[in-house]
Amino acid sequence: MSNPQLHNVSVNTQASVYFDGKCVSHGITLADGSKKSVGVVLPSTLTFNTGAPEIMECVAGSCEYKLAGSDQWQSSGPGHSFKIPGQSSFEIRVSEAYHYICHFG
């Protein structure tokens, strides 16, 4: 899944800024109409809620994450991804900048 470039995309040039700047992302739409976001989470521990299912793909840095209902932290680094169900949440712990692509749907 990891790819250093995404081709043929439309980019929302206004960033989405969450948690006082600890997470910044840009929404993109691919030629096939699928939507993703690309961004970075700076060192912090945050909780995100999901509407639709998501896949968080790490492209640089690393994080630890814990899905709703779990007591276990798991690690994710470059080339790894993790799935979050829709209408759920996850905690993410970052000690160095975590660069990601979020795949929706």
PDB file of N, CA and C in Angstrom:
ATOM      1  N   MET A   1       0.819  -1.189   0.000  1.00  0.00           N
ATOM      2  CA  MET A   1       0.000   0.000   0.000  1.00  0.00           C
ATOM      3  C   MET A   1       0.862   1.252   0.000  1.00  0.00           C
ATOM      4  N   SER A   2       2.041   1.197   0.575  1.00  0.00           N
ATOM      5  CA  SER A   2       2.871   2.393   0.709  1.00  0.00           C
ATOM      6  C   SER A   2       3.386   2.852  -0.653  1.00  0.00           C
ATOM      7  N   ASN A   3       3.247   4.155  -0.909  1.00  0.00           N
ATOM      8  CA  ASN A   3       3.683   4.740  -2.157  1.00  0.00           C
ATOM      9  C   ASN A   3       4.123   6.165  -1.852  1.00  0.00           C
ATOM     10  N   PRO A   4       5.343   6.550  -2.234  1.00  0.00           N
ATOM     11  CA  PRO A   4       5.810   7.884  -1.880  1.00  0.00           C
ATOM     12  C   PRO A   4       5.080   9.004  -2.620  1.00  0.00           C
ATOM     13  N   GLN A   5       4.355   8.682  -3.719  1.00  0.00           N
ATOM     14  CA  GLN A   5       3.622   9.697  -4.459  1.00  0.00           C
ATOM     15  C   GLN A   5       2.237   9.182  -4.814  1.00  0.00           C
ATOM     16  N   LEU A   6       1.273  10.081  -4.790  1.00  0.00           N
ATOM     17  CA  LEU A   6      -0.074   9.787  -5.265  1.00  0.00           C
ATOM     18  C   LEU A   6      -0.279  10.629  -6.517  1.00  0.00           C
ATOM     19  N   HIS A   7      -0.662  10.010  -7.610  1.00  0.00           N
ATOM     20  CA  HIS A   7      -0.792  10.709  -8.881  1.00  0.00           C
ATOM     21  C   HIS A   7      -2.254  11.002  -9.190  1.00  0.00           C
ATOM     22  N   ASN A   8      -2.482  12.017 -10.029  1.00  0.00           N
ATOM     23  CA  ASN A   8      -3.814  12.371 -10.516  1.00  0.00           C
ATOM     24  C   ASN A   8      -4.790  12.620  -9.373  1.00  0.00           C
ATOM     25  N   VAL A   9      -4.449  13.574  -8.504  1.00  0.00           N
ATOM     26  CA  VAL A   9      -5.303  13.877  -7.357  1.00  0.00           C
ATOM     27  C   VAL A   9      -5.681  15.358  -7.353  1.00  0.00           C
ATOM     28  N   SER A  10      -6.809  15.635  -6.715  1.00  0.00           N
ATOM     29  CA  SER A  10      -7.191  17.001  -6.389  1.00  0.00           C
ATOM     30  C   SER A  10      -6.892  17.177  -4.908  1.00  0.00           C
ATOM     31  N   VAL A  11      -6.305  18.321  -4.553  1.00  0.00           N
ATOM     32  CA  VAL A  11      -5.889  18.560  -3.173  1.00  0.00           C
ATOM     33  C   VAL A  11      -6.676  19.728  -2.590  1.00  0.00           C
ATOM     34  N   ASN A  12      -7.204  19.535  -1.403  1.00  0.00           N
ATOM     35  CA  ASN A  12      -7.792  20.637  -0.659  1.00  0.00           C
ATOM     36  C   ASN A  12      -6.619  21.428  -0.088  1.00  0.00           C
ATOM     37  N   THR A  13      -6.411  22.632  -0.570  1.00  0.00           N
ATOM     38  CA  THR A  13      -5.225  23.387  -0.171  1.00  0.00           C
ATOM     39  C   THR A  13      -5.333  23.969   1.232  1.00  0.00           C
ATOM     40  N   GLN A  14      -6.535  24.011   1.791  1.00  0.00           N
ATOM     41  CA  GLN A  14      -6.674  24.466   3.173  1.00  0.00           C
ATOM     42  C   GLN A  14      -6.519  23.264   4.097  1.00  0.00           C
ATOM     43  N   ALA A  15      -5.581  23.351   5.002  1.00  0.00           N
ATOM     44  CA  ALA A  15      -5.303  22.247   5.918  1.00  0.00           C
ATOM     45  C   ALA A  15      -6.404  22.103   6.954  1.00  0.00           C
ATOM     46  N   SER A  16      -6.622  20.869   7.382  1.00  0.00           N
ATOM     47  CA  SER A  16      -7.439  20.592   8.569  1.00  0.00           C
ATOM     48  C   SER A  16      -6.465  20.511   9.734  1.00  0.00           C
ATOM     49  N   VAL A  17      -6.681  21.334  10.750  1.00  0.00           N
ATOM     50  CA  VAL A  17      -5.775  21.397  11.897  1.00  0.00           C
ATOM     51  C   VAL A  17      -6.549  20.942  13.126  1.00  0.00           C
ATOM     52  N   TYR A  18      -6.046  19.910  13.799  1.00  0.00           N
ATOM     53  CA  TYR A  18      -6.707  19.326  14.961  1.00  0.00           C
ATOM     54  C   TYR A  18      -5.797  19.426  16.184  1.00  0.00           C
ATOM     55  N   PHE A  19      -6.417  19.390  17.351  1.00  0.00           N
ATOM     56  CA  PHE A  19      -5.682  19.315  18.621  1.00  0.00           C
ATOM     57  C   PHE A  19      -4.600  20.394  18.721  1.00  0.00           C
ATOM     58  N   ASP A  20      -5.013  21.647  18.487  1.00  0.00           N
ATOM     59  CA  ASP A  20      -4.092  22.788  18.611  1.00  0.00           C
ATOM     60  C   ASP A  20      -2.826  22.622  17.774  1.00  0.00           C
ATOM     61  N   GLY A  21      -2.962  22.060  16.591  1.00  0.00           N
ATOM     62  CA  GLY A  21      -1.830  21.931  15.674  1.00  0.00           C
ATOM     63  C   GLY A  21      -1.038  20.651  15.823  1.00  0.00           C
ATOM     64  N   LYS A  22      -1.457  19.754  16.690  1.00  0.00           N
ATOM     65  CA  LYS A  22      -0.709  18.501  16.862  1.00  0.00           C
ATOM     66  C   LYS A  22      -0.973  17.517  15.719  1.00  0.00           C
ATOM     67  N   CYS A  23      -2.041  17.749  14.946  1.00  0.00           N
ATOM     68  CA  CYS A  23      -2.330  16.947  13.756  1.00  0.00           C
ATOM     69  C   CYS A  23      -2.771  17.908  12.659  1.00  0.00           C
ATOM     70  N   VAL A  24      -2.102  17.824  11.512  1.00  0.00           N
ATOM     71  CA  VAL A  24      -2.427  18.665  10.367  1.00  0.00           C
ATOM     72  C   VAL A  24      -2.534  17.756   9.149  1.00  0.00           C
ATOM     73  N   SER A  25      -3.647  17.897   8.390  1.00  0.00           N
ATOM     74  CA  SER A  25      -3.821  17.052   7.217  1.00  0.00           C
ATOM     75  C   SER A  25      -4.459  17.836   6.077  1.00  0.00           C
ATOM     76  N   HIS A  26      -4.312  17.283   4.877  1.00  0.00           N
ATOM     77  CA  HIS A  26      -4.945  17.822   3.674  1.00  0.00           C
ATOM     78  C   HIS A  26      -5.780  16.711   3.049  1.00  0.00           C
ATOM     79  N   GLY A  27      -7.019  17.033   2.698  1.00  0.00           N
ATOM     80  CA  GLY A  27      -7.881  16.083   2.018  1.00  0.00           C
ATOM     81  C   GLY A  27      -7.532  16.021   0.552  1.00  0.00           C
ATOM     82  N   ILE A  28      -7.572  14.821   0.004  1.00  0.00           N
ATOM     83  CA  ILE A  28      -7.322  14.637  -1.427  1.00  0.00           C
ATOM     84  C   ILE A  28      -8.410  13.739  -2.014  1.00  0.00           C
ATOM     85  N   THR A  29      -8.671  13.933  -3.295  1.00  0.00           N
ATOM     86  CA  THR A  29      -9.603  13.082  -4.034  1.00  0.00           C
ATOM     87  C   THR A  29      -8.858  12.513  -5.226  1.00  0.00           C
ATOM     88  N   LEU A  30      -8.869  11.190  -5.366  1.00  0.00           N
ATOM     89  CA  LEU A  30      -8.203  10.534  -6.474  1.00  0.00           C
ATOM     90  C   LEU A  30      -9.092  10.561  -7.714  1.00  0.00           C
ATOM     91  N   ALA A  31      -8.507  10.256  -8.864  1.00  0.00           N
ATOM     92  CA  ALA A  31      -9.230  10.280 -10.133  1.00  0.00           C
ATOM     93  C   ALA A  31     -10.459   9.371 -10.112  1.00  0.00           C
ATOM     94  N   ASP A  32     -10.419   8.278  -9.331  1.00  0.00           N
ATOM     95  CA  ASP A  32     -11.562   7.364  -9.265  1.00  0.00           C
ATOM     96  C   ASP A  32     -12.637   7.839  -8.281  1.00  0.00           C
ATOM     97  N   GLY A  33     -12.426   9.006  -7.658  1.00  0.00           N
ATOM     98  CA  GLY A  33     -13.402   9.565  -6.729  1.00  0.00           C
ATOM     99  C   GLY A  33     -13.169   9.191  -5.276  1.00  0.00           C
ATOM    100  N   SER A  34     -12.239   8.277  -5.002  1.00  0.00           N
ATOM    101  CA  SER A  34     -11.976   7.902  -3.610  1.00  0.00           C
ATOM    102  C   SER A  34     -11.291   9.052  -2.880  1.00  0.00           C
ATOM    103  N   LYS A  35     -11.572   9.148  -1.586  1.00  0.00           N
ATOM    104  CA  LYS A  35     -11.052  10.239  -0.767  1.00  0.00           C
ATOM    105  C   LYS A  35     -10.062   9.710   0.263  1.00  0.00           C
ATOM    106  N   LYS A  36      -9.026  10.497   0.490  1.00  0.00           N
ATOM    107  CA  LYS A  36      -7.991  10.174   1.467  1.00  0.00           C
ATOM    108  C   LYS A  36      -7.567  11.481   2.125  1.00  0.00           C
ATOM    109  N   SER A  37      -6.786  11.376   3.155  1.00  0.00           N
ATOM    110  CA  SER A  37      -6.110  12.557   3.682  1.00  0.00           C
ATOM    111  C   SER A  37      -4.653  12.186   3.905  1.00  0.00           C
ATOM    112  N   VAL A  38      -3.789  13.173   3.762  1.00  0.00           N
ATOM    113  CA  VAL A  38      -2.365  12.995   4.039  1.00  0.00           C
ATOM    114  C   VAL A  38      -1.988  14.025   5.085  1.00  0.00           C
ATOM    115  N   GLY A  39      -1.193  13.602   6.050  1.00  0.00           N
ATOM    116  CA  GLY A  39      -0.859  14.547   7.105  1.00  0.00           C
ATOM    117  C   GLY A  39       0.225  14.058   8.028  1.00  0.00           C
ATOM    118  N   VAL A  40       0.339  14.770   9.135  1.00  0.00           N
ATOM    119  CA  VAL A  40       1.350  14.463  10.133  1.00  0.00           C
ATOM    120  C   VAL A  40       0.747  14.673  11.520  1.00  0.00           C
ATOM    121  N   VAL A  41       1.116  13.774  12.435  1.00  0.00           N
ATOM    122  CA  VAL A  41       0.792  13.929  13.850  1.00  0.00           C
ATOM    123  C   VAL A  41       2.110  14.203  14.564  1.00  0.00           C
ATOM    124  N   LEU A  42       2.164  15.300  15.292  1.00  0.00           N
ATOM    125  CA  LEU A  42       3.363  15.661  16.046  1.00  0.00           C
ATOM    126  C   LEU A  42       3.343  14.977  17.410  1.00  0.00           C
ATOM    127  N   PRO A  43       4.481  14.918  18.097  1.00  0.00           N
ATOM    128  CA  PRO A  43       4.540  14.198  19.373  1.00  0.00           C
ATOM    129  C   PRO A  43       3.410  14.591  20.324  1.00  0.00           C
ATOM    130  N   SER A  44       2.631  13.578  20.716  1.00  0.00           N
ATOM    131  CA  SER A  44       1.461  13.770  21.572  1.00  0.00           C
ATOM    132  C   SER A  44       0.768  12.432  21.769  1.00  0.00           C
ATOM    133  N   THR A  45      -0.263  12.431  22.604  1.00  0.00           N
ATOM    134  CA  THR A  45      -1.184  11.306  22.740  1.00  0.00           C
ATOM    135  C   THR A  45      -2.574  11.874  22.493  1.00  0.00           C
ATOM    136  N   LEU A  46      -3.258  11.368  21.467  1.00  0.00           N
ATOM    137  CA  LEU A  46      -4.527  11.919  21.016  1.00  0.00           C
ATOM    138  C   LEU A  46      -5.566  10.817  20.852  1.00  0.00           C
ATOM    139  N   THR A  47      -6.839  11.195  20.877  1.00  0.00           N
ATOM    140  CA  THR A  47      -7.933  10.262  20.605  1.00  0.00           C
ATOM    141  C   THR A  47      -8.718  10.777  19.409  1.00  0.00           C
ATOM    142  N   PHE A  48      -8.867   9.944  18.391  1.00  0.00           N
ATOM    143  CA  PHE A  48      -9.622  10.276  17.189  1.00  0.00           C
ATOM    144  C   PHE A  48     -10.886   9.440  17.128  1.00  0.00           C
ATOM    145  N   ASN A  49     -11.971  10.050  16.693  1.00  0.00           N
ATOM    146  CA  ASN A  49     -13.220   9.339  16.448  1.00  0.00           C
ATOM    147  C   ASN A  49     -13.372   9.127  14.948  1.00  0.00           C
ATOM    148  N   THR A  50     -14.002   8.023  14.556  1.00  0.00           N
ATOM    149  CA  THR A  50     -14.222   7.736  13.153  1.00  0.00           C
ATOM    150  C   THR A  50     -15.715   7.752  12.836  1.00  0.00           C
ATOM    151  N   GLY A  51     -16.045   8.206  11.644  1.00  0.00           N
ATOM    152  CA  GLY A  51     -17.393   8.077  11.119  1.00  0.00           C
ATOM    153  C   GLY A  51     -17.429   6.829  10.267  1.00  0.00           C
ATOM    154  N   ALA A  52     -16.719   6.870   9.145  1.00  0.00           N
ATOM    155  CA  ALA A  52     -16.577   5.715   8.250  1.00  0.00           C
ATOM    156  C   ALA A  52     -15.344   4.918   8.669  1.00  0.00           C
ATOM    157  N   PRO A  53     -15.247   3.670   8.227  1.00  0.00           N
ATOM    158  CA  PRO A  53     -14.018   2.907   8.485  1.00  0.00           C
ATOM    159  C   PRO A  53     -12.808   3.628   7.879  1.00  0.00           C
ATOM    160  N   GLU A  54     -11.662   3.475   8.511  1.00  0.00           N
ATOM    161  CA  GLU A  54     -10.432   4.111   8.049  1.00  0.00           C
ATOM    162  C   GLU A  54      -9.281   3.117   8.098  1.00  0.00           C
ATOM    163  N   ILE A  55      -8.301   3.357   7.244  1.00  0.00           N
ATOM    164  CA  ILE A  55      -7.020   2.658   7.312  1.00  0.00           C
ATOM    165  C   ILE A  55      -5.955   3.738   7.441  1.00  0.00           C
ATOM    166  N   MET A  56      -5.170   3.664   8.500  1.00  0.00           N
ATOM    167  CA  MET A  56      -4.065   4.599   8.705  1.00  0.00           C
ATOM    168  C   MET A  56      -2.785   3.924   8.223  1.00  0.00           C
ATOM    169  N   GLU A  57      -2.168   4.499   7.192  1.00  0.00           N
ATOM    170  CA  GLU A  57      -0.942   3.973   6.609  1.00  0.00           C
ATOM    171  C   GLU A  57       0.213   4.885   6.975  1.00  0.00           C
ATOM    172  N   CYS A  58       1.248   4.334   7.593  1.00  0.00           N
ATOM    173  CA  CYS A  58       2.433   5.107   7.977  1.00  0.00           C
ATOM    174  C   CYS A  58       3.381   5.210   6.786  1.00  0.00           C
ATOM    175  N   VAL A  59       3.771   6.456   6.461  1.00  0.00           N
ATOM    176  CA  VAL A  59       4.750   6.646   5.398  1.00  0.00           C
ATOM    177  C   VAL A  59       6.108   7.098   5.941  1.00  0.00           C
ATOM    178  N   ALA A  60       6.129   7.610   7.161  1.00  0.00           N
ATOM    179  CA  ALA A  60       7.398   7.984   7.819  1.00  0.00           C
ATOM    180  C   ALA A  60       7.132   8.153   9.307  1.00  0.00           C
ATOM    181  N   GLY A  61       8.173   7.995  10.103  1.00  0.00           N
ATOM    182  CA  GLY A  61       8.024   8.098  11.547  1.00  0.00           C
ATOM    183  C   GLY A  61       7.405   6.830  12.107  1.00  0.00           C
ATOM    184  N   SER A  62       6.776   6.944  13.263  1.00  0.00           N
ATOM    185  CA  SER A  62       6.149   5.775  13.880  1.00  0.00           C
ATOM    186  C   SER A  62       5.132   6.246  14.907  1.00  0.00           C
ATOM    187  N   CYS A  63       4.299   5.304  15.329  1.00  0.00           N
ATOM    188  CA  CYS A  63       3.323   5.599  16.373  1.00  0.00           C
ATOM    189  C   CYS A  63       2.983   4.310  17.102  1.00  0.00           C
ATOM    190  N   GLU A  64       2.303   4.470  18.215  1.00  0.00           N
ATOM    191  CA  GLU A  64       1.640   3.366  18.883  1.00  0.00           C
ATOM    192  C   GLU A  64       0.161   3.720  18.863  1.00  0.00           C
ATOM    193  N   TYR A  65      -0.692   2.716  18.716  1.00  0.00           N
ATOM    194  CA  TYR A  65      -2.122   2.971  18.669  1.00  0.00           C
ATOM    195  C   TYR A  65      -2.873   1.926  19.476  1.00  0.00           C
ATOM    196  N   LYS A  66      -4.052   2.316  19.915  1.00  0.00           N
ATOM    197  CA  LYS A  66      -4.912   1.420  20.680  1.00  0.00           C
ATOM    198  C   LYS A  66      -6.338   1.644  20.186  1.00  0.00           C
ATOM    199  N   LEU A  67      -6.945   0.588  19.662  1.00  0.00           N
ATOM    200  CA  LEU A  67      -8.310   0.684  19.161  1.00  0.00           C
ATOM    201  C   LEU A  67      -9.302   0.697  20.318  1.00  0.00           C
ATOM    202  N   ALA A  68     -10.462   1.297  20.105  1.00  0.00           N
ATOM    203  CA  ALA A  68     -11.521   1.329  21.121  1.00  0.00           C
ATOM    204  C   ALA A  68     -11.832  -0.094  21.561  1.00  0.00           C
ATOM    205  N   GLY A  69     -11.969  -0.294  22.870  1.00  0.00           N
ATOM    206  CA  GLY A  69     -12.288  -1.607  23.412  1.00  0.00           C
ATOM    207  C   GLY A  69     -11.079  -2.486  23.670  1.00  0.00           C
ATOM    208  N   SER A  70      -9.889  -2.017  23.285  1.00  0.00           N
ATOM    209  CA  SER A  70      -8.667  -2.792  23.493  1.00  0.00           C
ATOM    210  C   SER A  70      -7.852  -2.152  24.607  1.00  0.00           C
ATOM    211  N   ASP A  71      -7.097  -2.976  25.326  1.00  0.00           N
ATOM    212  CA  ASP A  71      -6.175  -2.467  26.339  1.00  0.00           C
ATOM    213  C   ASP A  71      -4.738  -2.528  25.849  1.00  0.00           C
ATOM    214  N   GLN A  72      -4.536  -3.001  24.623  1.00  0.00           N
ATOM    215  CA  GLN A  72      -3.192  -3.261  24.119  1.00  0.00           C
ATOM    216  C   GLN A  72      -2.747  -2.196  23.115  1.00  0.00           C
ATOM    217  N   TRP A  73      -1.597  -1.583  23.393  1.00  0.00           N
ATOM    218  CA  TRP A  73      -0.973  -0.668  22.446  1.00  0.00           C
ATOM    219  C   TRP A  73      -0.214  -1.491  21.414  1.00  0.00           C
ATOM    220  N   GLN A  74      -0.298  -1.085  20.143  1.00  0.00           N
ATOM    221  CA  GLN A  74       0.424  -1.750  19.065  1.00  0.00           C
ATOM    222  C   GLN A  74       1.250  -0.716  18.328  1.00  0.00           C
ATOM    223  N   SER A  75       2.317  -1.156  17.676  1.00  0.00           N
ATOM    224  CA  SER A  75       3.221  -0.244  16.974  1.00  0.00           C
ATOM    225  C   SER A  75       2.951  -0.240  15.478  1.00  0.00           C
ATOM    226  N   SER A  76       3.193   0.906  14.847  1.00  0.00           N
ATOM    227  CA  SER A  76       3.086   1.038  13.405  1.00  0.00           C
ATOM    228  C   SER A  76       4.220   1.928  12.928  1.00  0.00           C
ATOM    229  N   GLY A  77       4.910   1.480  11.892  1.00  0.00           N
ATOM    230  CA  GLY A  77       6.016   2.239  11.318  1.00  0.00           C
ATOM    231  C   GLY A  77       5.880   2.284   9.809  1.00  0.00           C
ATOM    232  N   PRO A  78       6.875   2.820   9.117  1.00  0.00           N
ATOM    233  CA  PRO A  78       6.806   2.960   7.665  1.00  0.00           C
ATOM    234  C   PRO A  78       6.442   1.640   6.975  1.00  0.00           C
ATOM    235  N   GLY A  79       5.456   1.716   6.071  1.00  0.00           N
ATOM    236  CA  GLY A  79       5.002   0.539   5.345  1.00  0.00           C
ATOM    237  C   GLY A  79       3.933  -0.255   6.064  1.00  0.00           C
ATOM    238  N   HIS A  80       3.650   0.085   7.324  1.00  0.00           N
ATOM    239  CA  HIS A  80       2.610  -0.611   8.083  1.00  0.00           C
ATOM    240  C   HIS A  80       1.329   0.212   8.077  1.00  0.00           C
ATOM    241  N   SER A  81       0.214  -0.467   8.305  1.00  0.00           N
ATOM    242  CA  SER A  81      -1.064   0.220   8.410  1.00  0.00           C
ATOM    243  C   SER A  81      -1.925  -0.474   9.451  1.00  0.00           C
ATOM    244  N   PHE A  82      -2.958   0.224   9.899  1.00  0.00           N
ATOM    245  CA  PHE A  82      -3.922  -0.395  10.803  1.00  0.00           C
ATOM    246  C   PHE A  82      -5.321   0.100  10.459  1.00  0.00           C
ATOM    247  N   LYS A  83      -6.295  -0.753  10.725  1.00  0.00           N
ATOM    248  CA  LYS A  83      -7.687  -0.483  10.372  1.00  0.00           C
ATOM    249  C   LYS A  83      -8.478  -0.077  11.611  1.00  0.00           C
ATOM    250  N   ILE A  84      -9.365   0.891  11.409  1.00  0.00           N
ATOM    251  CA  ILE A  84     -10.257   1.340  12.471  1.00  0.00           C
ATOM    252  C   ILE A  84     -11.681   1.208  11.941  1.00  0.00           C
ATOM    253  N   PRO A  85     -12.561   0.548  12.685  1.00  0.00           N
ATOM    254  CA  PRO A  85     -13.943   0.432  12.220  1.00  0.00           C
ATOM    255  C   PRO A  85     -14.643   1.787  12.205  1.00  0.00           C
ATOM    256  N   GLY A  86     -15.734   1.876  11.444  1.00  0.00           N
ATOM    257  CA  GLY A  86     -16.558   3.078  11.447  1.00  0.00           C
ATOM    258  C   GLY A  86     -17.274   3.227  12.784  1.00  0.00           C
ATOM    259  N   GLN A  87     -17.649   4.460  13.099  1.00  0.00           N
ATOM    260  CA  GLN A  87     -18.352   4.764  14.339  1.00  0.00           C
ATOM    261  C   GLN A  87     -17.592   4.222  15.556  1.00  0.00           C
ATOM    262  N   SER A  88     -16.288   4.466  15.560  1.00  0.00           N
ATOM    263  CA  SER A  88     -15.433   3.963  16.631  1.00  0.00           C
ATOM    264  C   SER A  88     -14.424   5.046  16.991  1.00  0.00           C
ATOM    265  N   SER A  89     -13.325   4.646  17.620  1.00  0.00           N
ATOM    266  CA  SER A  89     -12.261   5.590  17.962  1.00  0.00           C
ATOM    267  C   SER A  89     -10.956   4.828  18.140  1.00  0.00           C
ATOM    268  N   PHE A  90      -9.871   5.595  18.194  1.00  0.00           N
ATOM    269  CA  PHE A  90      -8.569   5.018  18.511  1.00  0.00           C
ATOM    270  C   PHE A  90      -7.722   6.080  19.184  1.00  0.00           C
ATOM    271  N   GLU A  91      -6.815   5.619  20.021  1.00  0.00           N
ATOM    272  CA  GLU A  91      -5.826   6.496  20.634  1.00  0.00           C
ATOM    273  C   GLU A  91      -4.533   6.319  19.862  1.00  0.00           C
ATOM    274  N   ILE A  92      -3.791   7.394  19.725  1.00  0.00           N
ATOM    275  CA  ILE A  92      -2.504   7.331  19.045  1.00  0.00           C
ATOM    276  C   ILE A  92      -1.479   8.049  19.909  1.00  0.00           C
ATOM    277  N   ARG A  93      -0.315   7.400  20.066  1.00  0.00           N
ATOM    278  CA  ARG A  93       0.799   7.942  20.845  1.00  0.00           C
ATOM    279  C   ARG A  93       1.964   8.122  19.887  1.00  0.00           C
ATOM    280  N   VAL A  94       2.477   9.341  19.811  1.00  0.00           N
ATOM    281  CA  VAL A  94       3.539   9.662  18.861  1.00  0.00           C
ATOM    282  C   VAL A  94       4.689  10.313  19.615  1.00  0.00           C
ATOM    283  N   SER A  95       5.912   9.793  19.419  1.00  0.00           N
ATOM    284  CA  SER A  95       7.077  10.402  20.060  1.00  0.00           C
ATOM    285  C   SER A  95       7.979  11.102  19.047  1.00  0.00           C
ATOM    286  N   GLU A  96       7.780  10.830  17.765  1.00  0.00           N
ATOM    287  CA  GLU A  96       8.453  11.543  16.680  1.00  0.00           C
ATOM    288  C   GLU A  96       7.374  11.775  15.625  1.00  0.00           C
ATOM    289  N   ALA A  97       7.556  12.712  14.733  1.00  0.00           N
ATOM    290  CA  ALA A  97       6.516  13.015  13.749  1.00  0.00           C
ATOM    291  C   ALA A  97       6.077  11.747  13.002  1.00  0.00           C
ATOM    292  N   TYR A  98       4.770  11.527  12.967  1.00  0.00           N
ATOM    293  CA  TYR A  98       4.153  10.371  12.298  1.00  0.00           C
ATOM    294  C   TYR A  98       3.460  10.886  11.036  1.00  0.00           C
ATOM    295  N   HIS A  99       3.995  10.524   9.864  1.00  0.00           N
ATOM    296  CA  HIS A  99       3.449  10.943   8.579  1.00  0.00           C
ATOM    297  C   HIS A  99       2.549   9.822   8.069  1.00  0.00           C
ATOM    298  N   TYR A 100       1.350  10.188   7.621  1.00  0.00           N
ATOM    299  CA  TYR A 100       0.383   9.152   7.271  1.00  0.00           C
ATOM    300  C   TYR A 100      -0.445   9.495   6.049  1.00  0.00           C
ATOM    301  N   ILE A 101      -1.055   8.443   5.503  1.00  0.00           N
ATOM    302  CA  ILE A 101      -2.148   8.554   4.540  1.00  0.00           C
ATOM    303  C   ILE A 101      -3.330   7.861   5.207  1.00  0.00           C
ATOM    304  N   CYS A 102      -4.451   8.553   5.289  1.00  0.00           N
ATOM    305  CA  CYS A 102      -5.667   7.963   5.843  1.00  0.00           C
ATOM    306  C   CYS A 102      -6.581   7.615   4.678  1.00  0.00           C
ATOM    307  N   HIS A 103      -6.894   6.335   4.559  1.00  0.00           N
ATOM    308  CA  HIS A 103      -7.777   5.831   3.504  1.00  0.00           C
ATOM    309  C   HIS A 103      -9.179   5.694   4.087  1.00  0.00           C
ATOM    310  N   PHE A 104     -10.160   6.345   3.488  1.00  0.00           N
ATOM    311  CA  PHE A 104     -11.533   6.305   3.984  1.00  0.00           C
ATOM    312  C   PHE A 104     -12.347   5.275   3.230  1.00  0.00           C
ATOM    313  N   GLY A 105     -13.342   4.704   3.940  1.00  0.00           N
ATOM    314  CA  GLY A 105     -14.294   3.817   3.277  1.00  0.00           C
ATOM    315  C   GLY A 105     -14.102   2.418   3.506  1.00  0.00           C
TER     316      GLY A 105
END
